[in-house]
Amino acid sequence: MKHHPPLKALALAVAALLLQAQAQAAPTEAQLNGVKVYGDVTIAQDSVTSWGPWTEFEPPAAGNPPLAQLPTTADLYRTLPQATTPGNGGGTTPPEVPPALSLVGFGGYYALFRGGESGEDLTTDGPHPINVTGTQTTASTGGTFLPDAFVLQVSPITGEYPPPTSMALILDPERGIYTSSLTPTESGETLFALVNNPDAPVDAQANQVSFYQLVSYIGAPEGGASPQVVSHLGVIGYATPEFDMAALKRGNVSATYAGHSLTNGSAFVPMTMDVNFGTSTWNATFNGGANSTVNVGDVAKTAVGFSVQGGVINGSSFTTTGASTFSATDAGSVAGRVNGSFYGPQAAAVGGAYDVTKNGVRYVDPFIGVKQPATTPTPSQPTGVKTN
C-alpha cells in the first residue's frame, strides 16, 4: 500500500519550489528563440503574449486575406492525436460484419385438445393464420438451409388453445429435424421439419424458402397422452433484400411465378402469380380458380381454388387490401386475405399463406412459387404482306 506524505509537509514543499522559481532570473529572448517546442516553432513564438507566425496576418483594407495566403506547411500546426480502434492494427476501421439474416414465414395452425375424465374427448380448434420469424442462435455448420439453432416467434396468437409464442429449436442431426430439446421432457416436445418442395430440380433451398411442418406436444403427463397438440403448416425462408426489391421496381420488371399450395396437411395443388414490380401490384390463382378433391391418405378432402386481383407490394412483402377482389370459376362466394414475401436474391421465389372462406368453409394454407424464365414470343407473319 502506497503511503502519502502528510498534507502540511506537501504544502511546505510546493511553497519552497515556488519561491525557488521566483528567485531564478527570467530567460532571455535569445534563450526563448533557441528552444523549439514543435516543428520550427520556438517558445518565443508560441506563448501567451505572442501569436507567433499568426502575427504576419495584418487585416488588409479590402477585408480578410484570401485563402491562398494561408501558410501551407504542416509544421505550423500541432499534430492532433490519431484515434485508433483497439485490436485492429491501429488507425483503420474494421469492415462491418453483416448481421445474420432473419427468417420470415407464414402459415396456419390447428390445435387438438384431449380432455374429459377419460382423456379421450377431442376438440379441434382452427385453422388460424400466423406469421413467424426466426432469429439465429447458432450458425449452420453443415451447409444446411437453416441455422443449427434458432428461436421461432409466432404471431398473432388467436384461438381457444393457442400455440407457444416462442420456441427455441435445435437441429437433431440423427433424426434430421429440429426439436425443442435433444432430450424430451415430461412437459412436452416440439418437432420442426422442412417439407420437400415438389418443384424440384428448382428446389426451395436454392431460392431460400421452404415449406415446414411443426408439431408441439404441450403438457404431456407422465405415462399419458398429450392433453394438447399444436400443428403448424407454413413456409419459412430468407426474404429478398430491400435493395433488390428497389432495383426491380426501378427497372419496371414483371415476373410470373408458378408453384404449389400445401393443403390439408400433405396435398399439393398448383398456384400461379403474376407480379408487376414497377407498379407494386400482383394477381394470383390458386388451384386453377376452382375447388377440387384431393386424397389425404385414404380420406378424400377438398382443396380450395380461387383467384385474387389487385394485391399490393410493400418492400419485400405482399398482401391484399380492401380494394383487392376475390373470385372463383366454380359456383360460390369467396373472401379473405393473402400475405406473403419475396424470397432469395432478385425475388427468386414467393411464399406466403392465404386465409379465405369459400361457401362458408375456412381454409388457411401456405404456398410457394418459383420465378419462371422470361419467354420471348415467336414473331408471327404480318398479315396483309405478300410473300413469294
Protein backbone atom coordinates (compact mmCIF):
# COMPACT_ATOMS: atom_id res chain seq x y z
CA MET A 1 0.00 0.00 0.00
CA LYS A 2 1.35 3.41 -1.02
CA HIS A 3 1.76 5.95 1.82
CA HIS A 4 1.16 9.63 1.11
CA PRO A 5 3.09 12.42 2.94
CA PRO A 6 1.12 14.48 5.42
CA LEU A 7 -0.81 17.36 3.86
CA LYS A 8 1.21 20.04 5.79
CA ALA A 9 4.57 18.67 4.61
CA LEU A 10 3.32 18.54 1.00
CA ALA A 11 2.16 22.18 1.15
CA LEU A 12 5.57 23.32 2.51
CA ALA A 13 7.39 21.51 -0.31
CA VAL A 14 5.21 23.15 -3.01
CA ALA A 15 5.78 26.59 -1.44
CA ALA A 16 9.55 26.05 -1.45
CA LEU A 17 9.50 25.19 -5.18
CA LEU A 18 7.52 28.33 -5.97
CA LEU A 19 9.96 30.52 -4.04
CA GLN A 20 12.90 28.89 -5.82
CA ALA A 21 11.31 29.54 -9.24
CA GLN A 22 10.70 33.19 -8.39
CA ALA A 23 14.33 33.64 -7.35
CA GLN A 24 15.65 32.45 -10.74
CA ALA A 25 16.36 35.04 -13.44
CA ALA A 26 13.89 35.25 -16.31
CA PRO A 27 15.10 33.65 -19.60
CA THR A 28 16.48 35.93 -22.26
CA GLU A 29 14.88 36.43 -25.70
CA ALA A 30 17.76 34.52 -27.29
CA GLN A 31 17.13 31.57 -24.99
CA LEU A 32 13.38 31.57 -25.84
CA ASN A 33 14.18 31.68 -29.56
CA GLY A 34 16.63 28.78 -29.21
CA VAL A 35 14.15 26.23 -27.87
CA LYS A 36 11.69 24.60 -30.32
CA VAL A 37 8.52 23.14 -28.89
CA TYR A 38 7.09 21.65 -32.09
CA GLY A 39 8.12 21.81 -35.75
CA ASP A 40 10.01 25.06 -36.30
CA VAL A 41 8.03 26.92 -33.69
CA THR A 42 10.02 28.19 -30.70
CA ILE A 43 8.88 29.04 -27.22
CA ALA A 44 9.14 32.71 -28.10
CA GLN A 45 6.69 32.25 -30.97
CA ASP A 46 4.29 30.04 -29.03
CA SER A 47 3.46 31.98 -25.91
CA VAL A 48 0.51 33.59 -24.24
CA THR A 49 1.89 37.05 -25.20
CA SER A 50 2.65 36.39 -28.87
CA TRP A 51 0.74 34.88 -31.82
CA GLY A 52 3.98 33.67 -33.36
CA PRO A 53 3.61 33.17 -37.14
CA TRP A 54 -0.04 34.31 -36.99
CA THR A 55 1.15 37.90 -36.30
CA GLU A 56 2.01 38.08 -40.01
CA PHE A 57 -1.72 38.35 -40.82
CA GLU A 58 -2.44 42.03 -40.85
CA PRO A 59 -6.04 42.61 -41.94
CA PRO A 60 -5.92 44.34 -45.34
CA ALA A 61 -8.14 47.28 -46.10
CA ALA A 62 -10.20 45.18 -48.50
CA GLY A 63 -11.03 42.60 -45.84
CA ASN A 64 -9.73 39.20 -44.79
CA PRO A 65 -6.78 37.71 -46.71
CA PRO A 66 -7.54 35.18 -49.45
CA LEU A 67 -7.13 31.56 -48.52
CA ALA A 68 -4.15 31.24 -50.85
CA GLN A 69 -2.11 33.37 -48.42
CA LEU A 70 -2.57 30.96 -45.55
CA PRO A 71 0.55 29.05 -44.52
CA THR A 72 0.97 25.75 -46.34
CA THR A 73 3.44 23.98 -44.11
CA ALA A 74 2.08 21.48 -41.63
CA ASP A 75 4.88 22.28 -39.19
CA LEU A 76 2.96 25.37 -38.08
CA TYR A 77 0.18 23.28 -36.54
CA ARG A 78 0.08 20.95 -33.60
CA THR A 79 -0.27 17.32 -34.53
CA LEU A 80 -3.51 16.01 -33.05
CA PRO A 81 -3.50 12.52 -31.56
CA GLN A 82 -4.87 9.97 -34.02
CA ALA A 83 -7.82 7.90 -32.88
CA THR A 84 -7.27 4.17 -33.16
CA THR A 85 -9.53 1.22 -32.68
CA PRO A 86 -8.12 -1.27 -30.18
CA GLY A 87 -7.13 -4.59 -31.60
CA ASN A 88 -7.41 -3.76 -35.31
CA GLY A 89 -3.83 -2.88 -36.09
CA GLY A 90 -4.30 0.83 -35.36
CA GLY A 91 -5.80 3.63 -37.37
CA THR A 92 -8.16 1.65 -39.60
CA THR A 93 -11.80 0.77 -39.04
CA PRO A 94 -12.56 -2.94 -39.45
CA PRO A 95 -15.26 -3.82 -42.00
CA GLU A 96 -18.71 -4.25 -40.56
CA VAL A 97 -19.87 -7.84 -40.22
CA PRO A 98 -23.41 -8.10 -41.61
CA PRO A 99 -25.91 -9.46 -39.12
CA ALA A 100 -27.36 -12.91 -39.62
CA LEU A 101 -30.37 -12.80 -41.88
CA SER A 102 -33.71 -13.07 -40.15
CA LEU A 103 -36.13 -15.82 -41.11
CA VAL A 104 -39.61 -14.80 -42.22
CA GLY A 105 -42.61 -17.06 -42.70
CA PHE A 106 -46.36 -17.50 -42.94
CA GLY A 107 -48.78 -20.33 -42.27
CA GLY A 108 -51.61 -21.63 -40.21
CA TYR A 109 -52.10 -23.82 -37.16
CA TYR A 110 -54.57 -26.25 -35.67
CA ALA A 111 -54.85 -27.17 -32.01
CA LEU A 112 -56.10 -30.56 -30.83
CA PHE A 113 -57.19 -30.71 -27.20
CA ARG A 114 -57.68 -34.03 -25.41
CA GLY A 115 -59.95 -33.61 -22.39
CA GLY A 116 -62.71 -35.28 -20.42
CA GLU A 117 -62.34 -37.52 -17.41
CA SER A 118 -61.04 -40.36 -19.54
CA GLY A 119 -58.79 -38.12 -21.63
CA GLU A 120 -60.41 -39.39 -24.83
CA ASP A 121 -62.61 -36.40 -25.76
CA LEU A 122 -61.11 -34.46 -28.69
CA THR A 123 -61.65 -30.82 -29.54
CA THR A 124 -60.16 -29.23 -32.66
CA ASP A 125 -59.50 -25.50 -32.83
CA GLY A 126 -58.53 -23.87 -36.10
CA PRO A 127 -57.34 -23.14 -38.67
CA HIS A 128 -55.74 -19.88 -37.55
CA PRO A 129 -53.38 -17.78 -39.75
CA ILE A 130 -49.98 -16.94 -38.26
CA ASN A 131 -46.81 -15.05 -39.10
CA VAL A 132 -43.47 -16.45 -37.95
CA THR A 133 -39.97 -15.03 -37.62
CA GLY A 134 -36.75 -16.80 -36.76
CA THR A 135 -33.59 -15.47 -35.11
CA GLN A 136 -30.35 -17.43 -35.47
CA THR A 137 -28.63 -18.50 -32.27
CA THR A 138 -26.12 -20.95 -33.82
CA ALA A 139 -24.95 -20.68 -37.42
CA SER A 140 -25.17 -23.61 -39.79
CA THR A 141 -22.10 -25.83 -39.57
CA GLY A 142 -23.11 -28.39 -42.18
CA GLY A 143 -24.29 -26.20 -45.03
CA THR A 144 -27.93 -26.73 -44.14
CA PHE A 145 -30.67 -24.39 -45.28
CA LEU A 146 -31.49 -23.23 -41.74
CA PRO A 147 -29.12 -22.42 -38.84
CA ASP A 148 -28.18 -25.19 -36.44
CA ALA A 149 -30.28 -23.43 -33.80
CA PHE A 150 -32.78 -20.59 -33.90
CA VAL A 151 -35.69 -19.12 -31.98
CA LEU A 152 -39.06 -19.23 -33.73
CA GLN A 153 -41.51 -16.46 -32.82
CA VAL A 154 -45.23 -16.83 -33.62
CA SER A 155 -47.87 -14.11 -34.00
CA PRO A 156 -50.71 -13.26 -33.82
CA ILE A 157 -52.00 -15.56 -31.13
CA THR A 158 -55.67 -16.40 -31.53
CA GLY A 159 -57.98 -19.30 -30.80
CA GLU A 160 -59.11 -21.18 -27.75
CA TYR A 161 -55.94 -23.30 -27.50
CA PRO A 162 -53.12 -21.02 -28.66
CA PRO A 163 -49.67 -22.28 -29.62
CA PRO A 164 -46.44 -21.29 -27.83
CA THR A 165 -45.36 -17.79 -28.81
CA SER A 166 -41.62 -18.55 -28.73
CA MET A 167 -39.79 -21.82 -29.31
CA ALA A 168 -36.03 -22.41 -29.18
CA LEU A 169 -35.22 -25.06 -31.80
CA ILE A 170 -32.00 -27.02 -32.23
CA LEU A 171 -31.02 -29.38 -35.02
CA ASP A 172 -31.02 -33.08 -34.13
CA PRO A 173 -28.62 -34.46 -36.77
CA GLU A 174 -29.55 -38.08 -36.05
CA ARG A 175 -33.23 -37.52 -36.87
CA GLY A 176 -32.66 -34.73 -39.39
CA ILE A 177 -35.23 -32.49 -37.72
CA TYR A 178 -35.31 -29.64 -35.24
CA THR A 179 -36.55 -30.10 -31.72
CA SER A 180 -37.11 -28.03 -28.61
CA SER A 181 -34.77 -30.33 -26.70
CA LEU A 182 -32.43 -33.13 -27.65
CA THR A 183 -33.75 -34.82 -24.51
CA PRO A 184 -37.59 -34.75 -24.47
CA THR A 185 -39.09 -33.73 -21.15
CA GLU A 186 -42.33 -34.65 -19.44
CA SER A 187 -43.72 -31.19 -20.13
CA GLY A 188 -43.72 -31.84 -23.86
CA GLU A 189 -41.65 -31.52 -27.02
CA THR A 190 -41.70 -29.50 -30.23
CA LEU A 191 -40.68 -31.08 -33.53
CA PHE A 192 -39.92 -28.95 -36.61
CA ALA A 193 -39.16 -30.36 -40.06
CA LEU A 194 -38.81 -28.99 -43.58
CA VAL A 195 -41.18 -30.39 -46.19
CA ASN A 196 -39.79 -31.19 -49.64
CA ASN A 197 -40.82 -28.76 -52.36
CA PRO A 198 -42.36 -30.60 -55.34
CA ASP A 199 -40.86 -28.04 -57.72
CA ALA A 200 -37.50 -29.86 -57.87
CA PRO A 201 -34.99 -29.65 -59.50
CA VAL A 202 -35.60 -25.91 -58.94
CA ASP A 203 -35.81 -26.70 -55.28
CA ALA A 204 -36.84 -24.45 -52.41
CA GLN A 205 -33.43 -24.28 -50.78
CA ALA A 206 -31.88 -22.72 -53.87
CA ASN A 207 -34.43 -19.94 -53.52
CA GLN A 208 -34.03 -19.63 -49.75
CA VAL A 209 -37.57 -20.68 -48.82
CA SER A 210 -39.17 -23.99 -47.88
CA PHE A 211 -42.40 -25.50 -46.60
CA TYR A 212 -42.24 -26.60 -42.98
CA GLN A 213 -44.34 -28.56 -40.51
CA LEU A 214 -44.24 -28.12 -36.75
CA VAL A 215 -45.88 -30.31 -34.12
CA SER A 216 -45.81 -29.23 -30.49
CA TYR A 217 -46.85 -31.58 -27.66
CA ILE A 218 -47.78 -29.45 -24.68
CA GLY A 219 -48.13 -30.54 -21.07
CA ALA A 220 -47.72 -34.26 -21.56
CA PRO A 221 -48.27 -36.04 -18.21
CA GLU A 222 -46.01 -38.93 -17.32
CA GLY A 223 -47.20 -42.11 -18.95
CA GLY A 224 -50.24 -40.46 -20.54
CA ALA A 225 -51.38 -38.87 -23.75
CA SER A 226 -50.73 -35.21 -24.52
CA PRO A 227 -53.67 -33.03 -23.47
CA GLN A 228 -52.86 -30.57 -26.30
CA VAL A 229 -51.19 -30.88 -29.68
CA VAL A 230 -50.49 -27.84 -31.88
CA SER A 231 -49.62 -28.31 -35.54
CA HIS A 232 -48.22 -25.61 -37.85
CA LEU A 233 -48.08 -25.85 -41.62
CA GLY A 234 -46.27 -22.98 -43.30
CA VAL A 235 -43.35 -21.55 -45.27
CA ILE A 236 -40.12 -20.09 -43.92
CA GLY A 237 -37.06 -18.57 -45.53
CA TYR A 238 -34.85 -15.54 -46.11
CA ALA A 239 -36.65 -12.50 -47.53
CA THR A 240 -35.34 -10.70 -50.62
CA PRO A 241 -33.05 -7.77 -49.67
CA GLU A 242 -34.65 -4.34 -49.91
CA PHE A 243 -32.08 -3.09 -52.45
CA ASP A 244 -33.01 -5.96 -54.79
CA MET A 245 -36.68 -5.03 -54.49
CA ALA A 246 -35.88 -1.37 -55.17
CA ALA A 247 -33.89 -2.32 -58.30
CA LEU A 248 -36.77 -4.45 -59.63
CA LYS A 249 -39.15 -1.54 -59.09
CA ARG A 250 -36.85 0.97 -60.80
CA GLY A 251 -36.50 -1.40 -63.75
CA ASN A 252 -40.28 -1.78 -64.05
CA VAL A 253 -39.74 -5.56 -64.06
CA SER A 254 -42.61 -8.03 -64.45
CA ALA A 255 -42.42 -11.71 -63.49
CA THR A 256 -44.53 -14.85 -63.32
CA TYR A 257 -44.24 -17.38 -60.50
CA ALA A 258 -45.50 -20.96 -60.53
CA GLY A 259 -45.61 -23.45 -57.69
CA HIS A 260 -47.93 -25.15 -55.24
CA SER A 261 -50.12 -24.68 -52.21
CA LEU A 262 -49.79 -27.25 -49.44
CA THR A 263 -53.33 -28.03 -48.35
CA ASN A 264 -54.89 -30.40 -45.83
CA GLY A 265 -51.50 -31.28 -44.41
CA SER A 266 -49.98 -33.18 -47.32
CA ALA A 267 -51.68 -32.45 -50.65
CA PHE A 268 -50.09 -30.14 -53.20
CA VAL A 269 -52.22 -28.16 -55.67
CA PRO A 270 -50.95 -25.69 -58.31
CA MET A 271 -50.69 -21.91 -57.97
CA THR A 272 -49.51 -19.09 -60.21
CA MET A 273 -48.77 -15.43 -59.51
CA ASP A 274 -48.17 -12.50 -61.88
CA VAL A 275 -46.16 -9.58 -60.45
CA ASN A 276 -45.51 -6.07 -61.73
CA PHE A 277 -42.71 -4.67 -59.59
CA GLY A 278 -42.92 -1.29 -61.31
CA THR A 279 -46.50 -0.70 -60.16
CA SER A 280 -46.08 -2.77 -56.96
CA THR A 281 -49.09 -4.95 -57.81
CA TRP A 282 -49.80 -8.65 -58.25
CA ASN A 283 -52.56 -11.13 -59.18
CA ALA A 284 -52.70 -14.83 -58.35
CA THR A 285 -54.70 -18.00 -58.98
CA PHE A 286 -54.75 -20.96 -56.62
CA ASN A 287 -55.77 -24.49 -57.69
CA GLY A 288 -56.89 -23.23 -61.08
CA GLY A 289 -59.54 -21.00 -59.53
CA ALA A 290 -61.90 -23.84 -58.54
CA ASN A 291 -62.23 -26.39 -55.73
CA SER A 292 -61.06 -29.96 -56.27
CA THR A 293 -60.94 -33.23 -54.35
CA VAL A 294 -57.58 -34.43 -53.02
CA ASN A 295 -56.71 -37.64 -51.25
CA VAL A 296 -55.01 -37.31 -47.89
CA GLY A 297 -54.13 -40.88 -47.07
CA ASP A 298 -57.37 -42.79 -47.52
CA VAL A 299 -59.54 -39.72 -46.90
CA ALA A 300 -60.90 -37.53 -49.70
CA LYS A 301 -60.78 -33.82 -48.83
CA THR A 302 -61.49 -30.52 -50.56
CA ALA A 303 -58.72 -28.24 -51.80
CA VAL A 304 -59.88 -24.67 -52.26
CA GLY A 305 -59.49 -22.85 -55.55
CA PHE A 306 -59.84 -19.11 -56.19
CA SER A 307 -58.25 -16.06 -57.83
CA VAL A 308 -57.28 -12.69 -56.40
CA GLN A 309 -56.78 -9.40 -58.24
CA GLY A 310 -55.23 -6.14 -57.07
CA GLY A 311 -52.73 -7.25 -54.45
CA VAL A 312 -50.04 -4.76 -53.40
CA ILE A 313 -46.29 -4.95 -52.70
CA ASN A 314 -44.59 -3.16 -49.82
CA GLY A 315 -40.84 -3.70 -49.64
CA SER A 316 -40.22 -7.43 -49.80
CA SER A 317 -43.75 -8.23 -48.55
CA PHE A 318 -47.01 -8.50 -50.43
CA THR A 319 -50.62 -8.60 -49.29
CA THR A 320 -54.22 -7.99 -50.28
CA THR A 321 -56.19 -4.92 -49.26
CA GLY A 322 -59.82 -3.91 -49.04
CA ALA A 323 -59.63 -2.96 -52.72
CA SER A 324 -58.48 -6.44 -53.77
CA THR A 325 -61.12 -8.72 -55.33
CA PHE A 326 -61.58 -12.46 -54.90
CA SER A 327 -63.33 -14.70 -57.41
CA ALA A 328 -63.73 -18.34 -58.41
CA THR A 329 -64.62 -20.15 -61.62
CA ASP A 330 -66.96 -22.57 -59.85
CA ALA A 331 -70.14 -21.65 -58.01
CA GLY A 332 -69.96 -19.88 -54.67
CA SER A 333 -68.51 -16.83 -53.00
CA VAL A 334 -65.00 -16.37 -51.66
CA ALA A 335 -63.40 -13.70 -49.48
CA GLY A 336 -60.32 -13.43 -47.31
CA ARG A 337 -56.72 -12.32 -47.25
CA VAL A 338 -53.35 -13.33 -48.70
CA ASN A 339 -49.99 -12.41 -47.08
CA GLY A 340 -46.51 -13.32 -48.22
CA SER A 341 -42.95 -12.36 -49.03
CA PHE A 342 -40.46 -12.46 -51.87
CA TYR A 343 -37.54 -14.74 -51.10
CA GLY A 344 -33.96 -15.06 -52.29
CA PRO A 345 -31.83 -12.75 -54.45
CA GLN A 346 -33.71 -10.80 -57.11
CA ALA A 347 -37.04 -12.12 -55.75
CA ALA A 348 -36.32 -15.65 -56.98
CA ALA A 349 -39.39 -17.04 -55.23
CA VAL A 350 -42.61 -16.10 -53.48
CA GLY A 351 -44.06 -17.68 -50.39
CA GLY A 352 -46.96 -16.98 -48.09
CA ALA A 353 -50.32 -18.15 -46.85
CA TYR A 354 -53.95 -17.43 -47.69
CA ASP A 355 -56.82 -17.24 -45.22
CA VAL A 356 -60.03 -17.47 -47.25
CA THR A 357 -63.59 -18.55 -46.63
CA LYS A 358 -65.41 -20.13 -49.55
CA ASN A 359 -69.02 -21.26 -49.32
CA GLY A 360 -68.84 -20.98 -45.54
CA VAL A 361 -65.69 -23.13 -45.14
CA ARG A 362 -62.43 -21.57 -43.96
CA TYR A 363 -59.08 -22.54 -45.50
CA VAL A 364 -55.60 -21.48 -44.26
CA ASP A 365 -52.84 -22.94 -46.46
CA PRO A 366 -49.22 -21.99 -47.28
CA PHE A 367 -47.84 -21.72 -50.82
CA ILE A 368 -44.52 -21.32 -52.66
CA GLY A 369 -43.92 -20.19 -56.23
CA VAL A 370 -40.67 -20.07 -58.22
CA LYS A 371 -39.91 -17.31 -60.72
CA GLN A 372 -40.33 -18.59 -64.26
CA PRO A 373 -37.81 -17.84 -67.04
CA ALA A 374 -38.72 -14.92 -69.27
CA THR A 375 -40.05 -16.03 -72.65
CA THR A 376 -39.70 -14.26 -75.98
CA PRO A 377 -42.74 -14.64 -78.25
CA THR A 378 -42.05 -16.15 -81.67
CA PRO A 379 -42.63 -13.46 -84.34
CA SER A 380 -45.63 -14.25 -86.50
CA GLN A 381 -46.05 -13.48 -90.17
CA PRO A 382 -47.54 -9.99 -90.57
CA THR A 383 -50.98 -10.03 -92.11
CA GLY A 384 -51.59 -8.34 -95.47
CA VAL A 385 -47.98 -8.85 -96.60
CA LYS A 386 -47.48 -10.60 -99.91
CA THR A 387 -44.74 -13.26 -100.00
CA ASN A 388 -43.14 -15.04 -102.97
